């Protein structure tokens, strides 16, 4: 690879907004000739009313629909990326 660009979100930067902005950044950076690698590590929940959701650092367990990142949002974001994408996901407490 000629060039590797990294966007690292840890601790206080791994907010809902920060993660979604990071995915937007990746969408702008990855071309059809590139390989994008995404690694998520954190907590998740599997709720009957909303299904699987990833919990950013600022998630509110009482307001998961508004403060977490649902599987449908993740699927849409990942599907919109060009090139080859590797997605590694480590999500404790998701129950699945």
N, C-alpha and C. Protein backbone atom coordinates (compact mmCIF):
# COMPACT_ATOMS: atom_id res chain seq x y z
N UNK A 1 0.84 -1.18 0.00
CA UNK A 1 0.00 0.00 0.00
C UNK A 1 0.88 1.24 0.00
N UNK A 2 0.53 2.20 -0.83
CA UNK A 2 1.30 3.44 -0.91
C UNK A 2 1.13 4.28 0.34
N UNK A 3 -0.10 4.32 0.85
CA UNK A 3 -0.39 5.21 1.95
C UNK A 3 -1.45 4.58 2.85
N UNK A 4 -1.27 4.73 4.15
CA UNK A 4 -2.25 4.25 5.11
C UNK A 4 -2.72 5.45 5.93
N UNK A 5 -4.02 5.65 5.97
CA UNK A 5 -4.59 6.74 6.77
C UNK A 5 -5.39 6.12 7.90
N UNK A 6 -5.23 6.66 9.09
CA UNK A 6 -5.88 6.10 10.28
C UNK A 6 -6.70 7.18 10.96
N UNK A 7 -7.88 6.80 11.36
CA UNK A 7 -8.71 7.66 12.21
C UNK A 7 -9.04 6.83 13.44
N UNK A 8 -8.53 7.24 14.56
CA UNK A 8 -8.67 6.49 15.80
C UNK A 8 -9.61 7.22 16.74
N UNK A 9 -10.64 6.53 17.19
CA UNK A 9 -11.58 7.08 18.16
C UNK A 9 -11.51 6.23 19.42
N UNK A 10 -11.02 6.79 20.48
CA UNK A 10 -10.96 6.05 21.74
C UNK A 10 -11.57 6.89 22.85
N UNK A 11 -12.06 6.19 23.84
CA UNK A 11 -12.61 6.80 25.05
C UNK A 11 -13.57 7.94 24.73
N UNK A 12 -13.28 9.14 25.16
CA UNK A 12 -14.20 10.27 25.04
C UNK A 12 -14.51 10.64 23.60
N UNK A 13 -13.71 10.23 22.64
CA UNK A 13 -13.97 10.54 21.23
C UNK A 13 -14.96 9.57 20.58
N UNK A 14 -15.22 8.44 21.23
CA UNK A 14 -16.08 7.40 20.66
C UNK A 14 -17.54 7.65 21.01
N UNK A 15 -17.99 8.87 20.75
CA UNK A 15 -19.39 9.23 20.95
C UNK A 15 -20.19 8.79 19.74
N UNK A 16 -21.50 8.88 19.85
CA UNK A 16 -22.36 8.57 18.70
C UNK A 16 -21.99 9.46 17.52
N UNK A 17 -21.88 10.76 17.78
CA UNK A 17 -21.52 11.70 16.71
C UNK A 17 -20.13 11.40 16.17
N UNK A 18 -19.17 11.14 17.04
CA UNK A 18 -17.80 10.86 16.61
C UNK A 18 -17.72 9.62 15.73
N UNK A 19 -18.45 8.57 16.10
CA UNK A 19 -18.44 7.33 15.32
C UNK A 19 -19.09 7.55 13.96
N UNK A 20 -20.23 8.22 13.95
CA UNK A 20 -20.91 8.48 12.67
C UNK A 20 -20.07 9.40 11.78
N UNK A 21 -19.41 10.38 12.36
CA UNK A 21 -18.52 11.25 11.58
C UNK A 21 -17.32 10.45 11.06
N UNK A 22 -16.83 9.51 11.86
CA UNK A 22 -15.73 8.66 11.42
C UNK A 22 -16.12 7.80 10.23
N UNK A 23 -17.33 7.28 10.23
CA UNK A 23 -17.81 6.50 9.09
C UNK A 23 -18.00 7.38 7.85
N UNK A 24 -18.44 8.62 8.06
CA UNK A 24 -18.55 9.57 6.94
C UNK A 24 -17.17 9.88 6.37
N UNK A 25 -16.18 10.07 7.26
CA UNK A 25 -14.80 10.32 6.84
C UNK A 25 -14.31 9.15 5.99
N UNK A 26 -14.57 7.93 6.45
CA UNK A 26 -14.13 6.75 5.72
C UNK A 26 -14.80 6.70 4.35
N UNK A 27 -16.07 7.06 4.29
CA UNK A 27 -16.79 7.06 3.01
C UNK A 27 -16.13 8.01 2.01
N UNK A 28 -15.64 9.14 2.49
CA UNK A 28 -14.98 10.11 1.61
C UNK A 28 -13.57 9.67 1.21
N UNK A 29 -12.91 8.89 2.06
CA UNK A 29 -11.52 8.52 1.83
C UNK A 29 -11.35 7.28 0.95
N UNK A 30 -12.22 6.31 1.12
CA UNK A 30 -12.04 5.02 0.44
C UNK A 30 -12.57 5.10 -0.99
N UNK A 31 -11.71 4.78 -1.93
CA UNK A 31 -12.12 4.72 -3.33
C UNK A 31 -12.33 3.26 -3.73
N UNK A 32 -12.76 3.05 -4.95
CA UNK A 32 -12.99 1.68 -5.41
C UNK A 32 -11.69 0.88 -5.51
N UNK A 33 -10.54 1.54 -5.42
CA UNK A 33 -9.25 0.86 -5.51
C UNK A 33 -8.65 0.58 -4.14
N UNK A 34 -9.34 0.95 -3.07
CA UNK A 34 -8.81 0.86 -1.72
C UNK A 34 -9.41 -0.29 -0.93
N UNK A 35 -8.77 -0.53 0.21
CA UNK A 35 -9.29 -1.45 1.21
C UNK A 35 -9.51 -0.64 2.48
N UNK A 36 -10.73 -0.61 2.95
CA UNK A 36 -11.04 0.07 4.21
C UNK A 36 -11.17 -0.97 5.31
N UNK A 37 -10.61 -0.66 6.47
CA UNK A 37 -10.67 -1.55 7.61
C UNK A 37 -11.31 -0.81 8.77
N UNK A 38 -12.34 -1.41 9.34
CA UNK A 38 -13.05 -0.82 10.47
C UNK A 38 -13.01 -1.82 11.62
N UNK A 39 -12.63 -1.34 12.79
CA UNK A 39 -12.63 -2.18 13.99
C UNK A 39 -13.42 -1.46 15.07
N UNK A 40 -14.51 -2.06 15.47
CA UNK A 40 -15.33 -1.55 16.56
C UNK A 40 -15.10 -2.45 17.77
N UNK A 41 -14.83 -1.87 18.91
CA UNK A 41 -14.75 -2.61 20.17
C UNK A 41 -15.51 -1.80 21.21
N UNK A 42 -16.44 -2.43 21.84
CA UNK A 42 -17.23 -1.74 22.85
C UNK A 42 -18.38 -2.61 23.29
N UNK A 43 -19.41 -1.98 23.78
CA UNK A 43 -20.57 -2.71 24.26
C UNK A 43 -21.72 -2.60 23.27
N UNK A 44 -22.59 -3.56 23.34
CA UNK A 44 -23.78 -3.56 22.51
C UNK A 44 -24.95 -4.07 23.32
N UNK A 45 -26.12 -3.92 22.77
CA UNK A 45 -27.32 -4.44 23.41
C UNK A 45 -28.18 -5.06 22.32
N UNK A 46 -28.94 -6.03 22.71
CA UNK A 46 -29.88 -6.67 21.81
C UNK A 46 -31.25 -6.56 22.47
N UNK A 47 -31.98 -5.55 22.10
CA UNK A 47 -33.27 -5.24 22.71
C UNK A 47 -34.41 -5.71 21.80
N UNK A 48 -35.45 -6.32 22.36
CA UNK A 48 -36.57 -6.79 21.53
C UNK A 48 -37.20 -5.69 20.68
N UNK A 49 -37.28 -4.48 21.20
CA UNK A 49 -37.98 -3.42 20.47
C UNK A 49 -37.16 -2.80 19.34
N UNK A 50 -35.82 -2.85 19.44
CA UNK A 50 -34.98 -2.21 18.42
C UNK A 50 -33.93 -3.14 17.81
N UNK A 51 -33.82 -4.35 18.32
CA UNK A 51 -32.81 -5.27 17.82
C UNK A 51 -31.42 -4.91 18.35
N UNK A 52 -30.39 -5.28 17.57
CA UNK A 52 -29.03 -5.02 18.01
C UNK A 52 -28.70 -3.53 17.88
N UNK A 53 -27.96 -3.02 18.84
CA UNK A 53 -27.48 -1.64 18.78
C UNK A 53 -26.12 -1.55 19.46
N UNK A 54 -25.23 -0.77 18.88
CA UNK A 54 -23.89 -0.53 19.43
C UNK A 54 -23.96 0.68 20.36
N UNK A 55 -23.29 0.58 21.51
CA UNK A 55 -23.36 1.64 22.51
C UNK A 55 -22.09 2.48 22.49
N UNK A 56 -22.15 3.68 21.97
CA UNK A 56 -21.01 4.58 22.07
C UNK A 56 -20.86 5.05 23.52
N UNK A 57 -19.80 5.75 23.80
CA UNK A 57 -19.51 6.15 25.17
C UNK A 57 -20.61 7.03 25.77
N UNK A 58 -21.31 7.77 24.95
CA UNK A 58 -22.34 8.67 25.45
C UNK A 58 -23.76 8.09 25.36
N UNK A 59 -23.87 6.78 25.17
CA UNK A 59 -25.20 6.15 25.08
C UNK A 59 -25.92 6.24 26.43
N UNK A 60 -27.20 6.44 26.35
CA UNK A 60 -28.06 6.47 27.53
C UNK A 60 -28.93 5.21 27.49
N UNK A 61 -28.74 4.29 28.44
CA UNK A 61 -29.51 3.04 28.42
C UNK A 61 -31.02 3.25 28.42
N UNK A 62 -31.49 4.38 28.91
CA UNK A 62 -32.93 4.66 28.93
C UNK A 62 -33.42 5.23 27.60
N UNK A 63 -32.50 5.66 26.74
CA UNK A 63 -32.84 6.27 25.44
C UNK A 63 -32.00 5.66 24.31
N UNK A 64 -31.97 4.34 24.24
CA UNK A 64 -31.10 3.67 23.26
C UNK A 64 -31.43 4.03 21.82
N UNK A 65 -32.70 4.19 21.50
CA UNK A 65 -33.07 4.55 20.12
C UNK A 65 -32.41 5.85 19.69
N UNK A 66 -32.26 6.78 20.61
CA UNK A 66 -31.72 8.10 20.28
C UNK A 66 -30.22 8.21 20.48
N UNK A 67 -29.63 7.37 21.33
CA UNK A 67 -28.23 7.59 21.71
C UNK A 67 -27.28 6.48 21.31
N UNK A 68 -27.79 5.41 20.70
CA UNK A 68 -26.92 4.32 20.26
C UNK A 68 -26.86 4.30 18.73
N UNK A 69 -26.18 3.31 18.19
CA UNK A 69 -26.07 3.17 16.73
C UNK A 69 -26.63 1.80 16.37
N UNK A 70 -27.81 1.80 15.78
CA UNK A 70 -28.52 0.57 15.45
C UNK A 70 -27.92 -0.18 14.28
N UNK A 71 -28.25 -1.46 14.20
CA UNK A 71 -27.71 -2.31 13.14
C UNK A 71 -28.08 -1.81 11.75
N UNK A 72 -29.27 -1.23 11.60
CA UNK A 72 -29.67 -0.74 10.28
C UNK A 72 -28.82 0.44 9.84
N UNK A 73 -28.47 1.31 10.77
CA UNK A 73 -27.59 2.44 10.45
C UNK A 73 -26.21 1.90 10.06
N UNK A 74 -25.69 0.96 10.83
CA UNK A 74 -24.39 0.37 10.51
C UNK A 74 -24.40 -0.30 9.15
N UNK A 75 -25.45 -1.05 8.85
CA UNK A 75 -25.54 -1.73 7.54
C UNK A 75 -25.54 -0.72 6.40
N UNK A 76 -26.33 0.35 6.54
CA UNK A 76 -26.39 1.38 5.49
C UNK A 76 -25.04 2.05 5.29
N UNK A 77 -24.39 2.39 6.38
CA UNK A 77 -23.09 3.06 6.29
C UNK A 77 -22.06 2.15 5.63
N UNK A 78 -22.02 0.90 6.03
CA UNK A 78 -21.05 -0.04 5.47
C UNK A 78 -21.34 -0.33 4.00
N UNK A 79 -22.61 -0.46 3.66
CA UNK A 79 -22.99 -0.75 2.27
C UNK A 79 -22.65 0.41 1.34
N UNK A 80 -22.57 1.61 1.88
CA UNK A 80 -22.29 2.78 1.03
C UNK A 80 -20.80 2.98 0.76
N UNK A 81 -19.96 2.22 1.44
CA UNK A 81 -18.52 2.37 1.24
C UNK A 81 -18.08 1.71 -0.06
N UNK A 82 -17.18 2.39 -0.76
CA UNK A 82 -16.63 1.84 -2.00
C UNK A 82 -15.42 0.99 -1.67
N UNK A 83 -14.93 0.27 -2.64
CA UNK A 83 -13.75 -0.56 -2.43
C UNK A 83 -14.08 -1.80 -1.62
N UNK A 84 -13.03 -2.42 -1.14
CA UNK A 84 -13.19 -3.60 -0.28
C UNK A 84 -13.17 -3.13 1.17
N UNK A 85 -14.06 -3.69 1.96
CA UNK A 85 -14.18 -3.27 3.35
C UNK A 85 -14.07 -4.49 4.25
N UNK A 86 -13.20 -4.38 5.25
CA UNK A 86 -13.11 -5.39 6.30
C UNK A 86 -13.68 -4.76 7.56
N UNK A 87 -14.63 -5.44 8.18
CA UNK A 87 -15.29 -4.91 9.37
C UNK A 87 -15.12 -5.91 10.50
N UNK A 88 -14.38 -5.51 11.53
CA UNK A 88 -14.17 -6.34 12.71
C UNK A 88 -14.99 -5.74 13.84
N UNK A 89 -15.69 -6.60 14.54
CA UNK A 89 -16.67 -6.13 15.50
C UNK A 89 -16.53 -6.93 16.79
N UNK A 90 -16.25 -6.27 17.90
CA UNK A 90 -16.17 -6.89 19.21
C UNK A 90 -17.12 -6.15 20.11
N UNK A 91 -18.27 -6.74 20.36
CA UNK A 91 -19.34 -6.03 21.06
C UNK A 91 -19.85 -6.87 22.24
N UNK A 92 -19.33 -6.59 23.41
CA UNK A 92 -19.74 -7.30 24.62
C UNK A 92 -21.18 -6.96 24.99
N UNK A 93 -21.80 -7.83 25.72
CA UNK A 93 -23.15 -7.66 26.26
C UNK A 93 -24.24 -7.55 25.21
N UNK A 94 -23.97 -7.97 23.98
CA UNK A 94 -25.00 -7.87 22.95
C UNK A 94 -25.97 -9.05 22.99
N UNK A 95 -25.59 -10.11 23.66
CA UNK A 95 -26.49 -11.24 23.82
C UNK A 95 -26.69 -12.06 22.56
N UNK A 96 -25.85 -11.86 21.57
CA UNK A 96 -25.98 -12.63 20.33
C UNK A 96 -24.62 -12.73 19.66
